[in-house]
Amino acid sequence: MKLFSLFIAVFLCSVAFCQDAAPTQDPYPKPIERSEGVIRVGFVEFASIPTVAGQPQAARMMLLVDEPGTKRLFVNDMVGPLYTVSYDGKTVTRYLDLNAPEWGYAVESRGGERGFQSFAIHPQFNQRGKPGYGKFYTYSDTSQFANPDFDTPGKQHTHDTVLLEWTAKNPAAARYDGGKPKQLLRWKQPFGNHNAGHVTFNPLSKPGDADYGLLYFGAADGGSGGDPFKAGQNLKSGFGKILRIDPLGSNSRNGKYGIPANNPFVNKGAEALGEIYAYGIRNIQRLFWDSKTGAMFMSDIGQNAIEEISPVTPGANLGWNIWEGSLRYFGRQGAIPGNARADKSMLYPVVEYDHVDPLLQGNVAIIGGFVYRGSAVPQLAGKLVFGDNPSGEVFYVSADHLPEGGSGAIRRVLFEDRGTARTFLELIRAKNAQQGVRPASRADLRFGVGPQGKLFLLNKHDGTIRLLTPGGSKR
């Protein structure tokens, strides 16, 4: 079998796919720089999210969102609850539990990737009389099956993923006081991994902008490995895409949401789904924007070789599963070095790293991220910040001089903890020791942005939200 794979690699190279015949999981053999250019920042233990009764681990925090109208932060736990946190971090309230039987959408949270994936709050959430008043959206896996809007070939069916719209009567209420949610979209999931992604509104859009009130969300390729249904490049599939809808519209096929007239594939008829904003996605984790340039970025977890942060433009093909990052994808053998970024119709990453880098010790899965244009943590000004989810390493590159792929420009962010520079995973383990629990084997890092550009770090192992500061620690 290995000889056959090598023969295929040589054949592909013979038709100008590459210059080096051997596929590899180590296409960037120069390690990420450990010490040069390291930025050290401080942190404060800002708030604690409770562990759900009966759960074997701390809150599995996925996302932190600022809601300026009611002056609260919202944070979700992957097993089902949605919490609010006061701006001073002192008050944490369970706002909603997706598992409550009256909603009818019990969360499927078995395994590491299924659960309450993401949520978004309409920009008009606290604006009485506006069409988005009281509305927010949840993106979650559920054990309840029903007719899907997006299906996959084959008989596999592990669970469904649903995008729901909720409407609060009083947005400022301590707990959700509205009725049952409206289902906007449903996916039939063939596997237990690569289920969904991030759901968000463009934070830079203002009333009157063409993008205002439009909902973006990532839909991963459906799982298993290697995109077995070839969803990423299939414009008729709702998997492997970044989608954009008008949640308050009604011109979709199911009549429950709108398809924006300026979406890039809206006039393609049966050839493409009008909801698609960009395609060629594997397992998208975050969407984020640069407030200085307006540029949009995504973080996409790689298969066997390359993790990537990529720009996103309307109609862009991000490459999967033809390309993994800047290189040709070659299944379990990794990627084919040589002839990188050769197809000019693709949109390639600004930064990427491989799975063999010794700094990451085999724990590899990229997570974005933000472009920091604030002043509260001046060390990070002008930096595109991202991290490695399991290892807890936090990285940056210059946002004003973006690289053209590869890992050469990547530098580290470490955390000042009583005079010692630590990784995020080391902070979690120190907290675990205080809690008297087994030290975490991974970080499961997530980022959040709050009021005045405050920066937060989340994880799934100690229940602690940390606020970044210019220097020093406070526990």
Protein backbone atom coordinates (compact mmCIF):
# COMPACT_ATOMS: atom_id res chain seq x y z
CA MET A 1 0.00 0.00 0.00
CA LYS A 2 2.87 2.37 0.82
CA LEU A 3 4.48 1.65 -2.55
CA PHE A 4 1.19 2.37 -4.30
CA SER A 5 0.85 5.69 -2.44
CA LEU A 6 4.38 6.65 -3.41
CA PHE A 7 3.63 5.75 -7.02
CA ILE A 8 0.59 8.05 -6.98
CA ALA A 9 2.67 10.85 -5.48
CA VAL A 10 5.26 10.49 -8.23
CA PHE A 11 2.51 10.47 -10.85
CA LEU A 12 0.95 13.63 -9.48
CA CYS A 13 4.31 15.34 -9.47
CA SER A 14 4.87 14.27 -13.06
CA VAL A 15 1.86 16.34 -14.09
CA ALA A 16 3.35 19.45 -12.44
CA PHE A 17 1.57 19.20 -9.10
CA CYS A 18 4.89 19.38 -7.28
CA GLN A 19 8.62 19.25 -7.55
CA ASP A 20 9.35 16.94 -4.64
CA ALA A 21 7.82 13.46 -5.00
CA ALA A 22 7.44 12.50 -1.34
CA PRO A 23 4.39 13.71 0.60
CA THR A 24 5.14 14.79 4.16
CA GLN A 25 3.55 15.78 7.43
CA ASP A 26 6.48 18.14 8.02
CA PRO A 27 6.41 20.59 5.11
CA TYR A 28 7.87 23.40 7.26
CA PRO A 29 10.85 21.68 8.90
CA LYS A 30 12.24 24.86 10.48
CA PRO A 31 10.59 24.95 13.93
CA ILE A 32 8.51 27.85 15.17
CA GLU A 33 10.84 30.29 16.91
CA ARG A 34 10.82 29.62 20.67
CA SER A 35 12.46 32.73 22.10
CA GLU A 36 13.01 35.42 19.47
CA GLY A 37 10.27 38.06 19.42
CA VAL A 38 8.35 36.62 22.39
CA ILE A 39 5.70 38.97 23.78
CA ARG A 40 4.87 38.68 27.48
CA VAL A 41 1.46 39.79 28.73
CA GLY A 42 -0.26 39.67 32.09
CA PHE A 43 -3.64 38.32 33.10
CA VAL A 44 -6.38 38.56 35.69
CA GLU A 45 -8.63 35.69 36.72
CA PHE A 46 -11.78 37.53 35.74
CA ALA A 47 -14.71 35.14 36.33
CA SER A 48 -15.57 31.50 36.97
CA ILE A 49 -18.18 29.49 35.08
CA PRO A 50 -19.76 26.67 37.14
CA THR A 51 -19.54 23.01 36.25
CA VAL A 52 -22.87 21.52 35.20
CA ALA A 53 -24.12 18.97 37.73
CA GLY A 54 -23.23 15.43 36.70
CA GLN A 55 -20.55 16.50 34.23
CA PRO A 56 -17.09 14.93 34.70
CA GLN A 57 -15.16 18.06 33.79
CA ALA A 58 -15.23 21.83 34.16
CA ALA A 59 -17.38 24.03 31.93
CA ARG A 60 -16.49 23.47 28.28
CA MET A 61 -16.43 27.13 27.32
CA MET A 62 -16.54 27.82 23.58
CA LEU A 63 -17.26 31.50 23.02
CA LEU A 64 -17.46 34.86 24.80
CA VAL A 65 -19.54 37.66 23.21
CA ASP A 66 -20.03 41.23 24.39
CA GLU A 67 -23.60 42.60 24.38
CA PRO A 68 -23.14 46.35 24.89
CA GLY A 69 -26.86 47.18 24.98
CA THR A 70 -27.40 45.34 28.26
CA LYS A 71 -23.74 45.66 29.36
CA ARG A 72 -23.14 41.95 29.79
CA LEU A 73 -20.85 39.28 28.42
CA PHE A 74 -22.41 36.03 27.20
CA VAL A 75 -20.49 32.74 27.50
CA ASN A 76 -21.64 29.26 26.50
CA ASP A 77 -20.82 25.82 27.85
CA MET A 78 -20.63 23.14 25.17
CA VAL A 79 -22.93 20.82 27.12
CA GLY A 80 -25.87 23.23 26.90
CA PRO A 81 -26.00 26.30 29.18
CA LEU A 82 -25.60 29.93 28.11
CA TYR A 83 -24.43 32.30 30.86
CA THR A 84 -24.23 36.05 31.31
CA VAL A 85 -21.26 37.64 33.08
CA SER A 86 -21.31 41.19 34.44
CA TYR A 87 -18.71 43.61 33.14
CA ASP A 88 -16.83 43.41 36.44
CA GLY A 89 -16.81 39.59 36.34
CA LYS A 90 -18.45 39.28 39.76
CA THR A 91 -21.91 38.07 38.71
CA VAL A 92 -22.45 34.94 36.63
CA THR A 93 -26.03 33.92 35.79
CA ARG A 94 -27.37 31.00 33.81
CA TYR A 95 -29.38 32.75 31.11
CA LEU A 96 -30.63 29.73 29.14
CA ASP A 97 -30.14 25.96 29.00
CA LEU A 98 -30.60 24.44 25.56
CA ASN A 99 -31.28 21.08 27.22
CA ALA A 100 -34.50 22.22 28.89
CA PRO A 101 -37.24 19.85 27.71
CA GLU A 102 -39.61 22.65 26.70
CA TRP A 103 -37.32 23.62 23.82
CA GLY A 104 -37.19 20.19 22.15
CA TYR A 105 -33.55 20.42 21.04
CA ALA A 106 -31.54 18.41 23.57
CA VAL A 107 -27.83 18.97 23.01
CA GLU A 108 -25.75 16.06 21.73
CA SER A 109 -22.42 16.67 23.48
CA ARG A 110 -20.72 13.28 23.47
CA GLY A 111 -17.13 13.23 22.31
CA GLY A 112 -14.81 16.16 21.96
CA GLU A 113 -16.42 17.96 19.02
CA ARG A 114 -20.19 17.76 19.43
CA GLY A 115 -22.26 20.12 21.54
CA PHE A 116 -23.41 23.72 21.85
CA GLN A 117 -21.01 25.02 19.23
CA SER A 118 -21.58 28.76 19.03
CA PHE A 119 -24.05 31.63 19.36
CA ALA A 120 -24.51 35.19 18.10
CA ILE A 121 -26.49 38.17 19.39
CA HIS A 122 -28.30 40.37 16.89
CA PRO A 123 -26.85 43.91 16.79
CA GLN A 124 -30.38 45.24 17.47
CA PHE A 125 -30.84 42.95 20.49
CA ASN A 126 -31.52 45.84 22.90
CA GLN A 127 -33.08 48.30 20.43
CA ARG A 128 -36.81 48.35 21.11
CA GLY A 129 -38.91 48.59 17.95
CA LYS A 130 -36.19 47.24 15.67
CA PRO A 131 -36.73 43.92 13.85
CA GLY A 132 -33.79 42.32 15.66
CA TYR A 133 -35.03 43.31 19.14
CA GLY A 134 -34.49 40.48 21.62
CA LYS A 135 -33.08 38.11 19.00
CA PHE A 136 -30.07 35.84 19.33
CA TYR A 137 -28.96 32.66 17.58
CA THR A 138 -27.57 29.33 18.75
CA TYR A 139 -25.69 26.73 16.71
CA SER A 140 -25.70 23.31 18.32
CA ASP A 141 -25.68 19.57 17.77
CA THR A 142 -28.82 17.73 18.81
CA SER A 143 -29.86 14.13 19.35
CA GLN A 144 -33.31 14.81 17.85
CA PHE A 145 -33.56 13.89 14.15
CA ALA A 146 -35.82 15.66 11.66
CA ASN A 147 -35.92 16.49 7.96
CA PRO A 148 -32.68 18.33 7.12
CA ASP A 149 -32.19 21.38 4.95
CA PHE A 150 -28.64 20.20 4.19
CA ASP A 151 -28.07 16.48 3.64
CA THR A 152 -25.06 14.33 2.75
CA PRO A 153 -24.83 11.22 0.56
CA GLY A 154 -24.69 7.84 2.22
CA LYS A 155 -26.52 6.16 5.08
CA GLN A 156 -24.46 7.51 7.97
CA HIS A 157 -26.45 9.65 10.39
CA THR A 158 -25.00 10.28 13.84
CA HIS A 159 -26.90 13.42 14.85
CA ASP A 160 -28.25 16.74 13.54
CA THR A 161 -26.95 20.29 13.81
CA VAL A 162 -29.46 23.12 14.13
CA LEU A 163 -29.32 26.89 13.80
CA LEU A 164 -32.02 28.38 16.05
CA GLU A 165 -33.40 31.88 16.49
CA TRP A 166 -34.54 32.91 19.98
CA THR A 167 -36.55 36.02 20.87
CA ALA A 168 -36.40 37.45 24.39
CA LYS A 169 -39.33 39.59 25.56
CA ASN A 170 -37.06 41.71 27.73
CA PRO A 171 -33.43 41.62 26.54
CA ALA A 172 -32.20 42.95 29.88
CA ALA A 173 -33.89 40.19 31.91
CA ALA A 174 -31.58 38.07 34.03
CA ARG A 175 -32.88 34.91 32.35
CA TYR A 176 -34.35 34.20 28.95
CA ASP A 177 -38.05 35.03 29.09
CA GLY A 178 -39.16 34.24 25.55
CA GLY A 179 -40.84 31.29 23.90
CA LYS A 180 -39.66 28.32 21.85
CA PRO A 181 -36.95 28.98 19.29
CA LYS A 182 -37.50 29.14 15.55
CA GLN A 183 -35.44 26.64 13.59
CA LEU A 184 -33.73 28.37 10.67
CA LEU A 185 -31.58 25.52 9.34
CA ARG A 186 -30.83 21.86 10.02
CA TRP A 187 -27.94 19.66 8.91
CA LYS A 188 -27.95 15.85 8.80
CA GLN A 189 -24.52 14.95 10.20
CA PRO A 190 -22.89 11.77 8.89
CA PHE A 191 -20.08 11.61 11.47
CA GLY A 192 -19.35 12.73 15.02
CA ASN A 193 -16.65 15.25 14.09
CA HIS A 194 -16.39 18.42 11.97
CA ASN A 195 -19.95 19.37 12.81
CA ALA A 196 -20.33 23.10 12.69
CA GLY A 197 -18.27 26.18 13.48
CA HIS A 198 -18.57 29.80 14.49
CA VAL A 199 -21.76 31.88 14.01
CA THR A 200 -21.37 35.66 14.10
CA PHE A 201 -22.37 39.05 12.80
CA ASN A 202 -19.72 41.26 11.25
CA PRO A 203 -18.79 43.47 14.23
CA LEU A 204 -17.59 46.26 11.92
CA SER A 205 -20.88 46.71 10.03
CA LYS A 206 -23.11 49.67 10.89
CA PRO A 207 -26.77 50.47 10.15
CA GLY A 208 -27.04 51.22 6.46
CA ASP A 209 -24.10 48.99 5.49
CA ALA A 210 -24.88 46.18 3.06
CA ASP A 211 -23.49 43.70 5.61
CA TYR A 212 -25.45 44.96 8.61
CA GLY A 213 -27.56 42.29 10.32
CA LEU A 214 -26.32 39.47 8.09
CA LEU A 215 -25.35 36.28 9.88
CA TYR A 216 -22.14 34.43 8.99
CA PHE A 217 -21.49 30.87 10.03
CA GLY A 218 -19.04 28.12 9.28
CA ALA A 219 -20.29 24.70 8.28
CA ALA A 220 -17.53 22.08 8.50
CA ASP A 221 -17.13 19.35 5.89
CA GLY A 222 -19.15 16.72 7.78
CA GLY A 223 -16.36 14.77 9.36
CA SER A 224 -14.53 11.48 9.20
CA GLY A 225 -11.29 12.48 7.44
CA GLY A 226 -10.28 13.76 4.03
CA ASP A 227 -13.75 15.05 3.15
CA PRO A 228 -15.11 11.68 1.90
CA PHE A 229 -18.19 13.26 0.29
CA LYS A 230 -16.14 15.96 -1.48
CA ALA A 231 -18.33 18.59 0.13
CA GLY A 232 -15.77 21.36 0.31
CA GLN A 233 -15.62 21.89 -3.46
CA ASN A 234 -19.29 21.08 -4.11
CA LEU A 235 -21.24 24.32 -4.48
CA LYS A 236 -24.52 22.39 -4.16
CA SER A 237 -23.63 21.22 -0.65
CA GLY A 238 -24.15 23.13 2.58
CA PHE A 239 -21.07 21.45 4.11
CA GLY A 240 -17.51 22.73 3.92
CA LYS A 241 -18.60 26.34 3.53
CA ILE A 242 -18.86 29.77 5.06
CA LEU A 243 -22.52 30.70 4.71
CA ARG A 244 -24.18 34.11 5.01
CA ILE A 245 -27.91 34.67 5.50
CA ASP A 246 -30.36 37.36 6.53
CA PRO A 247 -31.90 35.76 9.63
CA LEU A 248 -34.88 38.11 9.48
CA GLY A 249 -35.64 37.45 5.80
CA SER A 250 -37.79 34.77 4.17
CA ASN A 251 -36.69 34.16 0.56
CA SER A 252 -34.87 30.89 1.31
CA ARG A 253 -36.07 27.49 0.12
CA ASN A 254 -37.63 26.75 3.51
CA GLY A 255 -38.94 30.30 3.93
CA LYS A 256 -37.37 30.74 7.37
CA TYR A 257 -34.53 33.12 6.55
CA GLY A 258 -33.32 35.35 3.75
CA ILE A 259 -30.57 34.96 1.17
CA PRO A 260 -28.79 38.31 0.66
CA ALA A 261 -28.97 39.59 -2.90
CA ASN A 262 -25.26 40.39 -2.88
CA ASN A 263 -24.10 36.89 -1.91
CA PRO A 264 -21.55 35.75 -4.51
CA PHE A 265 -23.47 32.70 -5.81
CA VAL A 266 -27.00 34.01 -5.52
CA ASN A 267 -27.66 34.05 -9.27
CA LYS A 268 -26.22 30.61 -10.06
CA GLY A 269 -29.57 28.82 -9.92
CA ALA A 270 -29.26 25.06 -9.40
CA GLU A 271 -25.47 25.20 -9.83
CA ALA A 272 -24.77 26.64 -6.38
CA LEU A 273 -26.44 27.44 -3.07
CA GLY A 274 -27.19 31.12 -2.69
CA GLU A 275 -26.26 30.97 1.00
CA ILE A 276 -22.58 30.33 0.20
CA TYR A 277 -20.16 33.17 0.94
CA ALA A 278 -16.92 31.16 0.53
CA TYR A 279 -16.06 27.48 0.15
CA GLY A 280 -13.30 24.89 0.38
CA ILE A 281 -13.48 24.68 4.21
CA ARG A 282 -12.47 21.68 6.35
CA ASN A 283 -13.17 22.36 10.04
CA ILE A 284 -13.56 26.09 10.51
CA GLN A 285 -13.22 27.39 14.06
CA ARG A 286 -13.46 31.17 14.01
CA LEU A 287 -14.27 34.12 11.79
CA PHE A 288 -12.80 37.52 12.67
CA TRP A 289 -12.22 40.95 11.14
CA ASP A 290 -9.50 43.61 11.19
CA SER A 291 -11.08 46.90 12.28
CA LYS A 292 -8.35 48.88 10.49
CA THR A 293 -8.58 47.28 7.05
CA GLY A 294 -11.99 45.56 7.16
CA ALA A 295 -10.32 42.29 6.13
CA MET A 296 -11.98 39.05 7.16
CA PHE A 297 -10.09 35.96 8.35
CA MET A 298 -10.82 32.40 9.40
CA SER A 299 -9.00 29.66 11.30
CA ASP A 300 -9.34 26.19 9.79
CA ILE A 301 -8.06 23.01 11.43
CA GLY A 302 -5.93 20.88 9.10
CA GLN A 303 -6.03 17.18 8.26
CA ASN A 304 -2.62 15.55 8.58
CA ALA A 305 -0.13 18.29 7.82
CA ILE A 306 -1.09 21.98 7.95
CA GLU A 307 -3.00 24.37 10.22
CA GLU A 308 -4.03 27.69 8.71
CA ILE A 309 -5.27 31.24 9.21
CA SER A 310 -6.66 32.42 5.88
CA PRO A 311 -8.19 35.59 4.50
CA VAL A 312 -11.80 35.34 3.32
CA THR A 313 -13.30 37.24 0.41
CA PRO A 314 -16.74 36.86 -1.24
CA GLY A 315 -16.83 33.77 -3.46
CA ALA A 316 -13.34 32.64 -2.45
CA ASN A 317 -12.21 29.03 -2.80
CA LEU A 318 -10.07 28.24 0.26
CA GLY A 319 -8.86 25.02 -1.32
CA TRP A 320 -10.00 22.02 0.72
CA ASN A 321 -9.73 19.13 -0.12
CA ILE A 322 -7.53 19.82 -3.14
CA TRP A 323 -5.17 21.91 -1.08
CA GLU A 324 -4.23 21.69 2.58
CA GLY A 325 -2.99 25.17 3.31
CA SER A 326 -0.52 26.24 0.61
CA LEU A 327 0.27 22.70 -0.51
CA ARG A 328 -1.41 19.88 -2.42
CA TYR A 329 -3.34 17.58 -0.10
CA PHE A 330 -2.23 13.94 -0.17
CA GLY A 331 -4.37 12.03 2.30
CA ARG A 332 -2.83 10.35 5.31
CA GLN A 333 0.66 10.91 3.93
CA GLY A 334 0.22 14.65 4.44
CA ALA A 335 0.90 17.33 1.85
CA ILE A 336 3.14 17.50 -1.20
CA PRO A 337 5.92 20.08 -0.93
CA GLY A 338 6.98 21.99 -4.00
CA ASN A 339 4.85 23.98 -6.41
CA ALA A 340 3.17 25.69 -3.46
CA ARG A 341 0.26 28.09 -4.06
CA ALA A 342 0.36 27.24 -7.75
CA ASP A 343 -3.37 27.51 -8.51
CA LYS A 344 -4.10 31.23 -8.67
CA SER A 345 -7.86 30.61 -8.47
CA MET A 346 -7.45 29.59 -4.81
CA LEU A 347 -7.14 31.89 -1.80
CA TYR A 348 -4.22 30.73 0.33
CA PRO A 349 -3.36 31.22 4.03
CA VAL A 350 -1.52 34.18 5.49
CA VAL A 351 0.04 31.93 8.12
CA GLU A 352 0.29 28.19 8.69
CA TYR A 353 2.25 25.62 10.68
CA ASP A 354 2.70 21.88 10.41
CA HIS A 355 1.91 18.94 12.67
CA VAL A 356 5.49 17.95 13.44
CA ASP A 357 6.67 21.17 15.06
CA PRO A 358 8.40 20.17 18.32
CA LEU A 359 6.95 23.15 20.19
CA LEU A 360 3.45 21.61 19.91
CA GLN A 361 4.40 18.06 20.93
CA GLY A 362 1.80 16.40 18.72
CA ASN A 363 -1.15 18.43 20.03
CA VAL A 364 -2.15 20.38 16.95
CA ALA A 365 -5.37 22.25 16.04
CA ILE A 366 -5.39 25.95 15.19
CA ILE A 367 -7.80 28.43 16.75
CA GLY A 368 -8.36 32.07 15.85
CA GLY A 369 -8.12 34.69 16.79
CA PHE A 370 -8.38 38.44 16.59
CA VAL A 371 -6.59 41.40 15.08
CA TYR A 372 -5.81 43.73 17.95
CA ARG A 373 -6.14 47.46 17.29
CA GLY A 374 -6.68 48.47 20.91
CA SER A 375 -4.47 50.07 23.53
CA ALA A 376 -5.24 48.20 26.77
CA VAL A 377 -2.51 45.64 26.01
CA PRO A 378 -0.05 47.70 23.95
CA GLN A 379 2.30 44.76 23.36
CA LEU A 380 -0.34 43.22 21.08
CA ALA A 381 -1.21 46.36 19.09
CA GLY A 382 -1.10 45.70 15.36
CA LYS A 383 -0.86 41.94 15.83
CA LEU A 384 -2.96 39.14 14.39
CA VAL A 385 -3.23 36.78 17.37
CA PHE A 386 -4.15 33.10 17.20
CA GLY A 387 -3.32 29.91 19.04
CA ASP A 388 -3.03 26.18 19.06
CA ASN A 389 -6.11 24.74 20.73
CA PRO A 390 -4.70 21.62 22.48
CA SER A 391 -1.16 22.75 23.35
CA GLY A 392 -2.28 26.17 24.59
CA GLU A 393 0.44 27.98 22.67
CA VAL A 394 -0.58 31.52 21.70
CA PHE A 395 1.02 33.09 18.62
CA TYR A 396 1.08 36.32 16.66
CA VAL A 397 2.15 37.77 13.33
CA SER A 398 2.15 41.38 12.16
CA ALA A 399 -1.30 42.41 10.96
CA ASP A 400 0.20 45.30 8.99
CA HIS A 401 2.72 43.11 7.17
CA LEU A 402 0.91 39.82 6.75
CA PRO A 403 3.00 36.82 5.71
CA GLU A 404 2.25 34.85 2.56
CA GLY A 405 1.83 31.49 4.24
CA GLY A 406 4.31 29.33 6.08
CA SER A 407 5.44 29.53 9.68
CA GLY A 408 8.54 31.71 9.45
CA ALA A 409 6.86 34.85 10.79
CA ILE A 410 5.13 33.18 13.75
CA ARG A 411 6.16 34.37 17.21
CA ARG A 412 4.92 33.40 20.68
CA VAL A 413 2.83 35.10 23.36
CA LEU A 414 3.58 33.99 26.92
CA PHE A 415 1.90 34.93 30.19
CA GLU A 416 3.60 36.70 33.08
CA ASP A 417 2.80 34.72 36.21
CA ARG A 418 4.55 36.10 39.31
CA GLY A 419 7.79 36.68 37.46
CA THR A 420 7.70 33.54 35.31
CA ALA A 421 6.68 33.34 31.66
CA ARG A 422 4.22 30.49 31.14
CA THR A 423 2.13 29.02 28.37
CA PHE A 424 -1.65 29.04 28.69
CA LEU A 425 -1.68 25.30 29.40
CA GLU A 426 0.75 25.86 32.26
CA LEU A 427 -1.65 28.44 33.73
CA ILE A 428 -4.50 25.93 33.54
CA ARG A 429 -2.43 23.24 35.23
CA ALA A 430 -1.48 25.62 38.03
CA LYS A 431 -5.18 26.34 38.57
CA ASN A 432 -5.95 22.61 38.50
CA ALA A 433 -3.42 22.15 41.32
CA GLN A 434 -5.24 24.79 43.37
CA GLN A 435 -8.54 23.04 42.65
CA GLY A 436 -7.15 19.66 43.68
CA VAL A 437 -7.96 18.02 40.35
CA ARG A 438 -5.89 16.14 37.81
CA PRO A 439 -3.81 18.48 35.63
CA ALA A 440 -5.28 19.04 32.19
CA SER A 441 -3.58 17.22 29.33
CA ARG A 442 -4.63 19.93 26.86
CA ALA A 443 -5.80 23.52 26.93
CA ASP A 444 -8.79 23.66 24.55
CA LEU A 445 -8.04 27.34 24.08
CA ARG A 446 -10.62 29.88 22.91
CA PHE A 447 -10.47 33.68 22.56
CA GLY A 448 -13.04 36.34 23.41
CA VAL A 449 -13.26 40.11 22.90
CA GLY A 450 -15.20 42.29 25.30
CA PRO A 451 -15.99 46.00 25.79
CA GLN A 452 -13.28 48.54 24.94
CA GLY A 453 -11.41 45.78 23.17
CA LYS A 454 -10.76 43.78 26.33
CA LEU A 455 -9.21 40.40 25.53
CA PHE A 456 -10.21 37.15 27.22
CA LEU A 457 -8.97 33.56 27.18
CA LEU A 458 -11.33 30.61 27.71
CA ASN A 459 -10.69 26.89 28.15
CA LYS A 460 -12.51 23.66 29.00
CA HIS A 461 -10.56 22.48 32.04
CA ASP A 462 -10.62 24.91 34.96
CA GLY A 463 -13.81 26.99 34.55
CA THR A 464 -11.81 30.23 34.59
CA ILE A 465 -12.13 33.21 32.25
CA ARG A 466 -8.89 35.20 32.12
CA LEU A 467 -8.60 38.85 31.12
CA LEU A 468 -5.34 39.88 29.45
CA THR A 469 -3.43 42.84 30.91
CA PRO A 470 -0.19 44.65 30.00
CA GLY A 471 1.76 42.80 32.68
CA GLY A 472 1.63 40.82 35.90
CA SER A 473 -0.91 38.31 37.17
CA LYS A 474 -3.79 38.49 39.62
CA ARG A 475 -5.45 35.37 40.94
